[in-house]
Amino acid sequence: MNIGEKIRNTREDMDLSQEDVAGQIPMSQSGYSKIERGIQEPSLYQLKRICEILKISADNLLSLNEFDGISSKDLALLKEIKNIFNKYSK
């Protein structure tokens, strides 16, 4: 799911219109619609305001928690590999 779809789904879950959210950013409804449709990326300020208005974290919205599907054993192995790499790359 892309950023625009996550924003739209969250907005709809909160029973807010595009105009409601756009007015609080502030920006035009048509500009906000472009963000939801993936035509335009939000500016840093717009992204911050969207997260505040919709009460969602930016890391969730931007999928920064990409390691959620990796097991703890795999994460431990990755850390060990990183340590070995760092040890021998100096």
Protein backbone atom coordinates (compact mmCIF):
# COMPACT_ATOMS: atom_id res chain seq x y z
CA MET A 1 0.00 0.00 0.00
CA ASN A 2 1.44 3.39 -0.94
CA ILE A 3 1.43 6.59 1.13
CA GLY A 4 -1.63 8.04 -0.58
CA GLU A 5 -3.67 4.88 0.02
CA LYS A 6 -2.66 4.83 3.70
CA ILE A 7 -3.63 8.48 4.06
CA ARG A 8 -6.98 7.96 2.31
CA ASN A 9 -7.84 4.86 4.34
CA THR A 10 -7.01 6.59 7.63
CA ARG A 11 -8.96 9.71 6.65
CA GLU A 12 -11.99 7.63 5.68
CA ASP A 13 -11.75 5.64 8.93
CA MET A 14 -11.96 8.97 10.79
CA ASP A 15 -14.99 10.04 8.70
CA LEU A 16 -13.20 13.13 7.42
CA SER A 17 -13.55 14.56 3.93
CA GLN A 18 -10.62 15.59 1.79
CA GLU A 19 -11.77 19.16 2.26
CA ASP A 20 -11.70 18.75 6.07
CA VAL A 21 -8.08 17.60 6.06
CA ALA A 22 -6.92 20.00 3.34
CA GLY A 23 -8.37 22.95 5.25
CA GLN A 24 -6.42 22.03 8.36
CA ILE A 25 -3.07 21.68 6.54
CA PRO A 26 -3.83 24.33 4.89
CA MET A 27 -3.89 23.53 1.19
CA SER A 28 -6.43 23.19 -1.59
CA GLN A 29 -8.67 20.13 -1.72
CA SER A 30 -7.47 19.40 -5.26
CA GLY A 31 -3.83 19.47 -4.14
CA TYR A 32 -4.63 17.17 -1.23
CA SER A 33 -6.48 14.83 -3.59
CA LYS A 34 -3.32 14.56 -5.72
CA ILE A 35 -1.41 13.35 -2.63
CA GLU A 36 -4.00 10.65 -1.92
CA ARG A 37 -3.97 9.55 -5.56
CA GLY A 38 -0.16 9.39 -5.63
CA ILE A 39 0.15 12.08 -8.30
CA GLN A 40 1.99 14.48 -6.00
CA GLU A 41 4.20 13.81 -3.00
CA PRO A 42 3.52 15.91 0.09
CA SER A 43 6.06 18.45 1.24
CA LEU A 44 7.69 17.81 4.59
CA TYR A 45 5.36 20.35 6.21
CA GLN A 46 2.28 18.80 4.57
CA LEU A 47 3.38 15.32 5.66
CA LYS A 48 3.84 16.54 9.23
CA ARG A 49 0.39 18.16 9.26
CA ILE A 50 -1.27 15.08 7.73
CA CYS A 51 0.28 12.90 10.44
CA GLU A 52 -0.90 15.30 13.15
CA ILE A 53 -4.42 15.62 11.77
CA LEU A 54 -4.90 11.90 11.14
CA LYS A 55 -3.01 10.91 14.31
CA ILE A 56 -0.65 8.54 12.50
CA SER A 57 3.11 8.22 12.83
CA ALA A 58 5.33 9.17 9.93
CA ASP A 59 7.34 5.94 10.26
CA ASN A 60 4.16 3.91 9.79
CA LEU A 61 3.00 6.07 6.92
CA LEU A 62 6.39 5.87 5.18
CA SER A 63 6.86 2.17 6.00
CA LEU A 64 10.03 2.86 7.96
CA ASN A 65 9.30 -0.15 10.14
CA GLU A 66 10.33 -2.45 7.29
CA PHE A 67 11.83 -5.06 9.62
CA ASP A 68 8.48 -6.00 11.20
CA GLY A 69 8.26 -9.16 9.10
CA ILE A 70 11.78 -10.36 9.96
CA SER A 71 12.14 -12.87 12.78
CA SER A 72 14.24 -12.06 15.84
CA LYS A 73 16.70 -14.82 14.84
CA ASP A 74 17.17 -13.22 11.43
CA LEU A 75 17.66 -9.78 13.01
CA ALA A 76 20.29 -11.23 15.37
CA LEU A 77 22.06 -12.80 12.39
CA LEU A 78 22.00 -9.51 10.50
CA LYS A 79 23.51 -7.71 13.51
CA GLU A 80 26.23 -10.35 13.78
CA ILE A 81 27.05 -10.01 10.08
CA LYS A 82 27.18 -6.22 10.46
CA ASN A 83 29.55 -6.53 13.42
CA ILE A 84 31.84 -8.91 11.52
CA PHE A 85 31.80 -6.64 8.49
CA ASN A 86 32.63 -3.60 10.61
CA LYS A 87 35.44 -5.49 12.37
CA TYR A 88 37.18 -6.50 9.14
CA SER A 89 36.48 -3.41 7.07
CA LYS A 90 38.63 -1.13 9.23
